[in-house]
Amino acid sequence: MDFLMLYQRSFLAGLLTAVATALMGVHVVFRRMAFFGDAIAHVAFAAAAIGVTIGVSSFLSAVVLAVVASLILAKLSRRNISEDVSVGVLFSLTMAIGVILFSLVKRQRNLMSYLFGDILTVTDADMVYLSTVTASVIVYNLLFKDALVQFTFDEDFTKLMRPKIDLVYQLFLMVLAITVVIGVRTVGVILVSAFLIIPAATASIGAKDYRKVFLFAPVLSSISVVVGLLLSLYMDVPPGALIVVVQGAMFFTTIALRR
């Protein structure tokens, strides 16, 4: 009974993560921000290490620093500093800080958990965070997805028609940062970018209307979670890695079918 309850919670956690990351991933793919998501994941890793070191909630510390970092990256990109350069610096620096801090406090077990995640160990608090973040992502996309897509493809015109679009974009960065943080908890720093990119990229290949991409991406991601968790039951392999393999198989199958 306990075993079944464990997997029921893991399925729900995986589905919530799939929906949140896939919806935000559509914007990431459209704006070609894949490296940005990776950088925020590494910021979350360093922030969690800081939380463990000073004895505060690693989730809350990760949320705060990830949001701040996302806004800093947005500012740097508007000051003639290449986004690739600023993201690359942040990516490397935060990873190094995280490894050092986890080593200093002798928490190598925590280090592995944050790097690769463990969807089978989600807690009641994690479920509350996941539910809240997923609901926020859905509400954000219902309200602003069209405006943000327009901003992506025609920035000047959108600024003219929607004077407050910069606020919408900054809110997007904050929601994206929080989504990545919660994704790190379930699938880890290494794999969270796959949840952001692969389902959205697959959906964008298969759908002609961008609105359908917002529907197909979370569906594909959810299917990959269910299949990956079921396979992990039989193969005794970490579910996060299997889920990403299923996502990759969907991506290449879609490309092959389009030909």
Protein backbone atom coordinates (compact mmCIF):
# COMPACT_ATOMS: atom_id res chain seq x y z
CA MET A 1 0.00 0.00 0.00
CA ASP A 2 2.80 2.42 0.93
CA PHE A 3 4.54 1.56 -2.34
CA LEU A 4 1.42 2.41 -4.35
CA MET A 5 0.95 5.65 -2.44
CA LEU A 6 4.57 6.57 -3.17
CA TYR A 7 4.08 6.13 -6.90
CA GLN A 8 0.72 7.90 -6.89
CA ARG A 9 2.39 10.96 -5.40
CA SER A 10 5.29 10.66 -7.86
CA PHE A 11 2.88 10.49 -10.80
CA LEU A 12 1.05 13.60 -9.61
CA ALA A 13 4.33 15.46 -8.95
CA GLY A 14 5.59 14.48 -12.38
CA LEU A 15 2.42 15.59 -14.11
CA LEU A 16 2.44 18.96 -12.34
CA THR A 17 6.09 19.46 -13.28
CA ALA A 18 5.35 18.41 -16.86
CA VAL A 19 2.52 20.90 -17.30
CA ALA A 20 4.36 23.85 -15.72
CA THR A 21 7.67 23.33 -17.53
CA ALA A 22 6.05 22.55 -20.90
CA LEU A 23 3.89 25.69 -20.90
CA MET A 24 6.83 27.92 -19.99
CA GLY A 25 9.03 25.91 -22.34
CA VAL A 26 6.94 26.99 -25.33
CA HIS A 27 8.00 30.60 -24.71
CA VAL A 28 11.58 29.47 -24.10
CA VAL A 29 11.64 27.67 -27.46
CA PHE A 30 9.98 30.54 -29.32
CA ARG A 31 12.44 33.06 -27.84
CA ARG A 32 15.43 30.68 -28.23
CA MET A 33 16.25 30.89 -24.51
CA ALA A 34 17.31 27.28 -23.89
CA PHE A 35 20.61 28.34 -22.33
CA PHE A 36 18.73 30.80 -20.07
CA GLY A 37 16.75 27.96 -18.48
CA ASP A 38 19.96 26.05 -17.81
CA ALA A 39 21.50 29.08 -16.14
CA ILE A 40 18.50 29.56 -13.83
CA ALA A 41 18.66 25.87 -12.88
CA HIS A 42 22.28 26.34 -11.84
CA VAL A 43 21.38 29.48 -9.88
CA ALA A 44 18.73 27.42 -8.08
CA PHE A 45 21.39 24.82 -7.31
CA ALA A 46 23.72 27.42 -5.78
CA ALA A 47 20.83 29.05 -3.90
CA ALA A 48 19.79 25.70 -2.45
CA ALA A 49 23.37 25.17 -1.29
CA ILE A 50 23.29 28.59 0.39
CA GLY A 51 20.02 27.66 2.10
CA VAL A 52 21.49 24.39 3.39
CA THR A 53 24.63 26.20 4.58
CA ILE A 54 22.89 28.94 6.58
CA GLY A 55 19.97 26.79 7.72
CA VAL A 56 17.05 28.35 5.85
CA SER A 57 14.54 26.83 3.42
CA SER A 58 16.48 25.76 0.34
CA PHE A 59 13.33 26.16 -1.76
CA LEU A 60 12.68 29.73 -0.67
CA SER A 61 16.34 30.73 -1.04
CA ALA A 62 16.36 29.20 -4.53
CA VAL A 63 13.17 31.06 -5.52
CA VAL A 64 14.49 34.43 -4.33
CA LEU A 65 17.92 34.15 -5.95
CA ALA A 66 16.58 32.61 -9.17
CA VAL A 67 14.10 35.48 -9.60
CA VAL A 68 16.81 38.07 -8.90
CA ALA A 69 19.20 36.36 -11.33
CA SER A 70 16.58 36.22 -14.08
CA LEU A 71 15.96 39.96 -13.80
CA ILE A 72 19.72 40.68 -13.76
CA LEU A 73 20.18 38.64 -16.93
CA ALA A 74 17.36 40.58 -18.58
CA LYS A 75 19.06 43.88 -17.65
CA LEU A 76 22.44 42.72 -18.92
CA SER A 77 20.96 41.63 -22.25
CA ARG A 78 19.76 45.21 -22.78
CA ARG A 79 23.17 46.75 -22.07
CA ASN A 80 25.05 45.47 -25.10
CA ILE A 81 26.33 42.46 -23.18
CA SER A 82 25.79 39.26 -25.13
CA GLU A 83 23.16 37.07 -23.51
CA ASP A 84 25.30 34.01 -24.24
CA VAL A 85 28.24 35.58 -22.40
CA SER A 86 26.28 36.72 -19.33
CA VAL A 87 24.41 33.42 -19.07
CA GLY A 88 27.65 31.44 -19.54
CA VAL A 89 29.37 33.35 -16.74
CA LEU A 90 26.42 32.89 -14.40
CA PHE A 91 26.09 29.21 -15.38
CA SER A 92 29.70 28.40 -14.45
CA LEU A 93 29.95 30.64 -11.39
CA THR A 94 26.81 29.40 -9.65
CA MET A 95 27.64 25.76 -10.33
CA ALA A 96 31.07 26.23 -8.76
CA ILE A 97 29.59 28.02 -5.73
CA GLY A 98 27.03 25.27 -5.21
CA VAL A 99 29.58 22.45 -5.34
CA ILE A 100 31.89 24.29 -2.92
CA LEU A 101 29.13 24.98 -0.39
CA PHE A 102 27.72 21.44 -0.47
CA SER A 103 31.27 20.14 0.04
CA LEU A 104 31.96 22.52 2.95
CA VAL A 105 28.86 21.42 4.86
CA LYS A 106 29.47 17.76 4.01
CA ARG A 107 26.15 17.31 2.20
CA GLN A 108 27.22 15.27 -0.80
CA ARG A 109 23.91 13.41 -0.65
CA ASN A 110 22.05 16.70 -1.09
CA LEU A 111 24.43 17.52 -3.94
CA MET A 112 23.41 14.42 -5.90
CA SER A 113 19.73 15.00 -5.14
CA TYR A 114 19.84 18.52 -6.60
CA LEU A 115 21.90 17.47 -9.62
CA PHE A 116 19.69 14.55 -10.66
CA GLY A 117 16.48 15.07 -8.67
CA ASP A 118 14.39 12.36 -7.05
CA ILE A 119 10.74 12.39 -8.01
CA LEU A 120 10.11 9.41 -5.72
CA THR A 121 10.90 11.42 -2.58
CA VAL A 122 8.60 14.43 -3.00
CA THR A 123 7.05 15.59 0.27
CA ASP A 124 3.70 17.14 1.14
CA ALA A 125 5.37 20.56 1.12
CA ASP A 126 6.77 19.85 -2.35
CA MET A 127 3.27 18.99 -3.57
CA VAL A 128 1.94 22.29 -2.25
CA TYR A 129 4.74 24.19 -4.01
CA LEU A 130 4.21 22.25 -7.24
CA SER A 131 0.47 22.81 -7.23
CA THR A 132 0.87 26.53 -6.54
CA VAL A 133 3.52 27.05 -9.22
CA THR A 134 1.60 25.04 -11.84
CA ALA A 135 -1.59 26.99 -11.15
CA SER A 136 0.36 30.26 -11.44
CA VAL A 137 1.87 29.17 -14.76
CA ILE A 138 -1.55 28.26 -16.17
CA VAL A 139 -3.07 31.58 -15.06
CA TYR A 140 -0.11 33.53 -16.48
CA ASN A 141 -0.44 31.84 -19.86
CA LEU A 142 -4.19 32.31 -19.99
CA LEU A 143 -3.69 36.03 -19.39
CA PHE A 144 -0.52 36.86 -21.30
CA LYS A 145 0.60 34.10 -23.69
CA ASP A 146 -0.67 35.89 -26.82
CA ALA A 147 0.99 39.18 -25.82
CA LEU A 148 4.28 37.44 -25.09
CA VAL A 149 4.23 35.52 -28.37
CA GLN A 150 3.60 38.78 -30.22
CA PHE A 151 6.46 40.37 -28.29
CA THR A 152 8.71 37.49 -29.32
CA PHE A 153 8.09 37.82 -33.05
CA ASP A 154 7.61 41.60 -33.38
CA GLU A 155 9.04 43.43 -30.39
CA ASP A 156 8.78 46.99 -31.72
CA PHE A 157 5.17 46.71 -32.86
CA THR A 158 4.12 45.00 -29.61
CA LYS A 159 5.72 47.75 -27.54
CA LEU A 160 3.76 50.29 -29.55
CA MET A 161 0.45 48.47 -29.14
CA ARG A 162 1.06 47.24 -25.56
CA PRO A 163 3.02 49.87 -23.57
CA LYS A 164 3.22 47.59 -20.52
CA ILE A 165 4.68 44.61 -22.39
CA ASP A 166 8.03 45.03 -20.59
CA LEU A 167 6.25 44.32 -17.30
CA VAL A 168 4.67 41.23 -18.85
CA TYR A 169 8.11 40.06 -19.97
CA GLN A 170 9.66 40.67 -16.54
CA LEU A 171 6.81 38.73 -14.98
CA PHE A 172 7.50 35.95 -17.48
CA LEU A 173 11.14 35.79 -16.35
CA MET A 174 10.08 35.56 -12.71
CA VAL A 175 7.51 32.82 -13.39
CA LEU A 176 10.06 30.96 -15.52
CA ALA A 177 12.65 31.16 -12.73
CA ILE A 178 10.22 29.77 -10.16
CA THR A 179 9.13 27.01 -12.57
CA VAL A 180 12.75 25.97 -13.07
CA VAL A 181 13.32 25.93 -9.29
CA ILE A 182 10.40 23.59 -8.70
CA GLY A 183 11.52 21.46 -11.65
CA VAL A 184 14.97 21.12 -10.10
CA ARG A 185 13.35 19.60 -7.00
CA THR A 186 11.72 16.79 -8.97
CA VAL A 187 14.09 16.10 -11.89
CA GLY A 188 17.32 17.87 -10.94
CA VAL A 189 19.57 20.54 -12.40
CA ILE A 190 20.86 18.26 -15.15
CA LEU A 191 17.46 17.25 -16.55
CA VAL A 192 15.16 20.21 -15.94
CA SER A 193 16.17 21.94 -19.19
CA ALA A 194 14.99 18.84 -21.09
CA PHE A 195 11.52 19.26 -19.57
CA LEU A 196 11.54 22.89 -20.71
CA ILE A 197 12.82 22.32 -24.22
CA ILE A 198 11.98 18.89 -25.63
CA PRO A 199 8.16 18.72 -25.29
CA ALA A 200 7.78 22.33 -26.49
CA ALA A 201 10.14 21.75 -29.42
CA THR A 202 8.30 18.55 -30.36
CA ALA A 203 4.93 20.30 -30.22
CA SER A 204 6.19 23.22 -32.31
CA ILE A 205 7.34 20.82 -35.03
CA GLY A 206 4.02 19.01 -35.15
CA ALA A 207 1.62 21.97 -34.83
CA LYS A 208 1.02 24.71 -37.41
CA ASP A 209 -0.87 27.07 -35.07
CA TYR A 210 1.15 28.39 -32.13
CA ARG A 211 -1.91 28.10 -29.86
CA LYS A 212 -1.93 24.35 -30.44
CA VAL A 213 1.68 24.19 -29.28
CA PHE A 214 0.52 25.35 -25.84
CA LEU A 215 -1.91 22.43 -25.80
CA PHE A 216 0.31 19.71 -27.28
CA ALA A 217 3.45 20.47 -25.25
CA PRO A 218 1.99 19.71 -21.79
CA VAL A 219 0.15 16.68 -23.19
CA LEU A 220 3.36 15.23 -24.66
CA SER A 221 5.29 16.02 -21.47
CA SER A 222 2.61 14.37 -19.32
CA ILE A 223 2.64 11.25 -21.49
CA SER A 224 6.42 11.04 -21.15
CA VAL A 225 6.11 11.26 -17.35
CA VAL A 226 3.57 8.42 -17.18
CA VAL A 227 5.56 6.20 -19.55
CA GLY A 228 8.88 6.99 -17.86
CA LEU A 229 7.57 6.22 -14.38
CA LEU A 230 5.97 2.97 -15.54
CA LEU A 231 9.22 1.90 -17.20
CA SER A 232 11.17 2.73 -14.05
CA LEU A 233 8.97 0.30 -12.11
CA TYR A 234 10.08 -2.57 -14.33
CA MET A 235 13.65 -1.55 -15.14
CA ASP A 236 14.75 -0.23 -11.72
CA VAL A 237 16.23 2.86 -13.40
CA PRO A 238 15.92 6.47 -12.14
CA PRO A 239 12.60 7.76 -13.52
CA GLY A 240 13.86 11.25 -14.40
CA ALA A 241 16.34 9.89 -16.93
CA LEU A 242 13.76 7.53 -18.45
CA ILE A 243 11.26 10.37 -18.82
CA VAL A 244 13.80 12.43 -20.76
CA VAL A 245 14.61 9.43 -22.97
CA VAL A 246 10.89 9.09 -23.77
CA GLN A 247 10.74 12.82 -24.56
CA GLY A 248 13.73 12.45 -26.87
CA ALA A 249 12.10 9.49 -28.62
CA MET A 250 8.97 11.59 -29.19
CA PHE A 251 11.04 14.42 -30.62
CA PHE A 252 12.93 12.31 -33.16
CA THR A 253 9.79 10.35 -34.07
CA THR A 254 7.99 13.62 -34.83
CA ILE A 255 10.87 14.76 -37.04
CA ALA A 256 10.84 11.42 -38.89
CA LEU A 257 7.07 11.52 -39.43
CA ARG A 258 7.23 15.05 -40.82
CA ARG A 259 9.54 13.83 -43.55
